Amino acid sequence: MPEIPLAPIERIFKKAGAERVGEDAIIALRDVLENVAYEVSVKSIELAKHAGRKTVSADDVKAVVRIFKCINLS
């Protein structure tokens, strides 16, 4: 079951300059965002645990994003 509502995804497309957006595109972007968010979450939790913490910090999330950028997700 998806976690992110479709309306905010459509607003992101519009803010980026799209005049019209198909529902299939909105759903596809939502799915991609949820998958990336899940992977970042899992890796952020691993970093927090490795540091001996139970609380995931913003620094954990930012570190994972930096690592993913090095990997080049495209």
N, C-alpha and C. Protein backbone atom coordinates (compact mmCIF):
# COMPACT_ATOMS: atom_id res chain seq x y z
N MET A 1 0.85 -1.19 0.00
CA MET A 1 0.00 0.00 0.00
C MET A 1 0.89 1.24 0.00
N PRO A 2 0.70 2.13 -0.96
CA PRO A 2 1.52 3.34 -1.04
C PRO A 2 1.35 4.24 0.19
N GLU A 3 2.44 4.90 0.55
CA GLU A 3 2.45 5.81 1.69
C GLU A 3 2.27 7.27 1.28
N ILE A 4 2.76 7.63 0.10
CA ILE A 4 2.74 9.03 -0.35
C ILE A 4 1.50 9.27 -1.21
N PRO A 5 0.69 10.27 -0.85
CA PRO A 5 -0.48 10.59 -1.68
C PRO A 5 -0.07 11.14 -3.05
N LEU A 6 -0.93 10.98 -4.02
CA LEU A 6 -0.62 11.41 -5.39
C LEU A 6 -0.64 12.92 -5.58
N ALA A 7 -1.49 13.63 -4.86
CA ALA A 7 -1.62 15.09 -5.06
C ALA A 7 -0.29 15.83 -4.87
N PRO A 8 0.48 15.54 -3.82
CA PRO A 8 1.76 16.24 -3.68
C PRO A 8 2.74 15.92 -4.81
N ILE A 9 2.66 14.72 -5.34
CA ILE A 9 3.54 14.35 -6.44
C ILE A 9 3.18 15.16 -7.69
N GLU A 10 1.89 15.32 -7.93
CA GLU A 10 1.46 16.13 -9.07
C GLU A 10 1.90 17.59 -8.89
N ARG A 11 1.82 18.09 -7.66
CA ARG A 11 2.26 19.47 -7.40
C ARG A 11 3.76 19.62 -7.68
N ILE A 12 4.53 18.60 -7.37
CA ILE A 12 5.97 18.64 -7.66
C ILE A 12 6.20 18.74 -9.17
N PHE A 13 5.49 17.95 -9.94
CA PHE A 13 5.59 18.04 -11.40
C PHE A 13 5.24 19.44 -11.88
N LYS A 14 4.13 19.99 -11.36
CA LYS A 14 3.69 21.32 -11.79
C LYS A 14 4.72 22.38 -11.41
N LYS A 15 5.27 22.25 -10.21
CA LYS A 15 6.28 23.21 -9.75
C LYS A 15 7.52 23.14 -10.64
N ALA A 16 7.80 21.95 -11.16
CA ALA A 16 8.96 21.75 -12.04
C ALA A 16 8.69 22.26 -13.45
N GLY A 17 7.44 22.64 -13.73
CA GLY A 17 7.13 23.25 -15.02
C GLY A 17 6.22 22.46 -15.94
N ALA A 18 5.71 21.31 -15.49
CA ALA A 18 4.82 20.53 -16.35
C ALA A 18 3.46 21.21 -16.45
N GLU A 19 2.94 21.30 -17.67
CA GLU A 19 1.60 21.84 -17.85
C GLU A 19 0.55 20.78 -17.55
N ARG A 20 0.81 19.56 -18.03
CA ARG A 20 -0.11 18.45 -17.79
C ARG A 20 0.73 17.23 -17.41
N VAL A 21 0.15 16.40 -16.55
CA VAL A 21 0.87 15.21 -16.09
C VAL A 21 -0.11 14.04 -16.09
N GLY A 22 0.26 12.96 -16.74
CA GLY A 22 -0.58 11.77 -16.74
C GLY A 22 -0.53 11.08 -15.38
N GLU A 23 -1.64 10.46 -15.03
CA GLU A 23 -1.71 9.76 -13.75
C GLU A 23 -0.66 8.66 -13.67
N ASP A 24 -0.36 8.04 -14.82
CA ASP A 24 0.66 6.99 -14.80
C ASP A 24 2.04 7.54 -14.45
N ALA A 25 2.33 8.77 -14.88
CA ALA A 25 3.60 9.41 -14.54
C ALA A 25 3.65 9.74 -13.05
N ILE A 26 2.53 10.21 -12.51
CA ILE A 26 2.46 10.55 -11.09
C ILE A 26 2.67 9.29 -10.25
N ILE A 27 2.03 8.22 -10.63
CA ILE A 27 2.16 6.95 -9.91
C ILE A 27 3.59 6.42 -10.02
N ALA A 28 4.18 6.53 -11.21
CA ALA A 28 5.55 6.05 -11.40
C ALA A 28 6.54 6.81 -10.53
N LEU A 29 6.40 8.15 -10.48
CA LEU A 29 7.30 8.95 -9.65
C LEU A 29 7.08 8.63 -8.17
N ARG A 30 5.84 8.47 -7.77
CA ARG A 30 5.54 8.12 -6.38
C ARG A 30 6.23 6.80 -6.01
N ASP A 31 6.13 5.83 -6.90
CA ASP A 31 6.74 4.52 -6.64
C ASP A 31 8.26 4.63 -6.51
N VAL A 32 8.88 5.40 -7.41
CA VAL A 32 10.32 5.61 -7.35
C VAL A 32 10.71 6.30 -6.05
N LEU A 33 9.99 7.36 -5.69
CA LEU A 33 10.30 8.09 -4.46
C LEU A 33 10.17 7.21 -3.23
N GLU A 34 9.12 6.39 -3.19
CA GLU A 34 8.94 5.50 -2.05
C GLU A 34 10.04 4.45 -1.97
N ASN A 35 10.46 3.93 -3.12
CA ASN A 35 11.55 2.95 -3.12
C ASN A 35 12.86 3.57 -2.66
N VAL A 36 13.17 4.75 -3.16
CA VAL A 36 14.39 5.43 -2.74
C VAL A 36 14.33 5.77 -1.25
N ALA A 37 13.18 6.26 -0.80
CA ALA A 37 13.03 6.60 0.62
C ALA A 37 13.22 5.37 1.50
N TYR A 38 12.70 4.24 1.06
CA TYR A 38 12.86 3.00 1.82
C TYR A 38 14.34 2.61 1.91
N GLU A 39 15.03 2.65 0.78
CA GLU A 39 16.45 2.28 0.77
C GLU A 39 17.29 3.23 1.62
N VAL A 40 17.01 4.53 1.54
CA VAL A 40 17.73 5.50 2.37
C VAL A 40 17.44 5.24 3.84
N SER A 41 16.21 4.91 4.17
CA SER A 41 15.83 4.61 5.55
C SER A 41 16.59 3.41 6.09
N VAL A 42 16.62 2.34 5.30
CA VAL A 42 17.31 1.11 5.74
C VAL A 42 18.79 1.39 6.00
N LYS A 43 19.42 2.08 5.07
CA LYS A 43 20.85 2.37 5.23
C LYS A 43 21.11 3.35 6.36
N SER A 44 20.20 4.30 6.57
CA SER A 44 20.34 5.25 7.68
C SER A 44 20.25 4.54 9.02
N ILE A 45 19.36 3.58 9.11
CA ILE A 45 19.22 2.78 10.33
C ILE A 45 20.51 1.99 10.58
N GLU A 46 21.08 1.42 9.51
CA GLU A 46 22.34 0.69 9.65
C GLU A 46 23.45 1.60 10.18
N LEU A 47 23.53 2.83 9.66
CA LEU A 47 24.55 3.77 10.14
C LEU A 47 24.36 4.09 11.61
N ALA A 48 23.12 4.34 12.01
CA ALA A 48 22.85 4.66 13.42
C ALA A 48 23.24 3.49 14.31
N LYS A 49 22.86 2.28 13.91
CA LYS A 49 23.21 1.09 14.70
C LYS A 49 24.72 0.91 14.77
N HIS A 50 25.40 1.13 13.64
CA HIS A 50 26.86 1.01 13.62
C HIS A 50 27.51 1.99 14.59
N ALA A 51 26.89 3.16 14.74
CA ALA A 51 27.40 4.18 15.66
C ALA A 51 26.96 3.93 17.09
N GLY A 52 26.22 2.83 17.32
CA GLY A 52 25.77 2.50 18.67
C GLY A 52 24.56 3.29 19.13
N ARG A 53 23.80 3.80 18.18
CA ARG A 53 22.61 4.59 18.51
C ARG A 53 21.36 3.88 18.05
N LYS A 54 20.26 4.17 18.75
CA LYS A 54 18.95 3.68 18.34
C LYS A 54 18.21 4.73 17.52
N THR A 55 18.62 5.98 17.67
CA THR A 55 17.96 7.10 17.00
C THR A 55 18.67 7.42 15.70
N VAL A 56 17.91 7.44 14.61
CA VAL A 56 18.45 7.84 13.31
C VAL A 56 18.47 9.37 13.27
N SER A 57 19.61 9.93 12.87
CA SER A 57 19.75 11.38 12.82
C SER A 57 19.72 11.88 11.38
N ALA A 58 19.55 13.18 11.24
CA ALA A 58 19.60 13.81 9.92
C ALA A 58 20.96 13.57 9.29
N ASP A 59 22.01 13.55 10.11
CA ASP A 59 23.36 13.29 9.58
C ASP A 59 23.46 11.90 8.97
N ASP A 60 22.77 10.92 9.56
CA ASP A 60 22.75 9.57 8.99
C ASP A 60 22.13 9.59 7.60
N VAL A 61 21.00 10.26 7.48
CA VAL A 61 20.29 10.35 6.21
C VAL A 61 21.16 11.07 5.17
N LYS A 62 21.76 12.19 5.56
CA LYS A 62 22.60 12.95 4.63
C LYS A 62 23.81 12.14 4.19
N ALA A 63 24.39 11.37 5.11
CA ALA A 63 25.54 10.53 4.76
C ALA A 63 25.14 9.48 3.73
N VAL A 64 23.99 8.87 3.92
CA VAL A 64 23.53 7.86 2.97
C VAL A 64 23.29 8.48 1.61
N VAL A 65 22.70 9.65 1.57
CA VAL A 65 22.46 10.32 0.29
C VAL A 65 23.79 10.63 -0.40
N ARG A 66 24.79 11.07 0.37
CA ARG A 66 26.11 11.33 -0.21
C ARG A 66 26.70 10.04 -0.79
N ILE A 67 26.55 8.93 -0.06
CA ILE A 67 27.06 7.65 -0.54
C ILE A 67 26.33 7.25 -1.82
N PHE A 68 24.99 7.39 -1.84
CA PHE A 68 24.23 7.04 -3.03
C PHE A 68 24.61 7.90 -4.21
N LYS A 69 24.93 9.17 -3.98
CA LYS A 69 25.35 10.04 -5.08
C LYS A 69 26.66 9.54 -5.69
N CYS A 70 27.54 9.01 -4.85
CA CYS A 70 28.80 8.46 -5.34
C CYS A 70 28.55 7.22 -6.19
N ILE A 71 27.52 6.47 -5.85
CA ILE A 71 27.19 5.25 -6.58
C ILE A 71 26.56 5.58 -7.93
N ASN A 72 25.92 6.74 -8.05
CA ASN A 72 25.22 7.19 -9.26
C ASN A 72 24.04 6.28 -9.57
N LEU A 73 22.88 6.64 -9.03
CA LEU A 73 21.67 5.84 -9.14
C LEU A 73 21.01 5.87 -10.52
N SER A 74 21.51 6.65 -11.44
CA SER A 74 20.82 6.73 -12.74
C SER A 74 21.10 5.57 -13.64
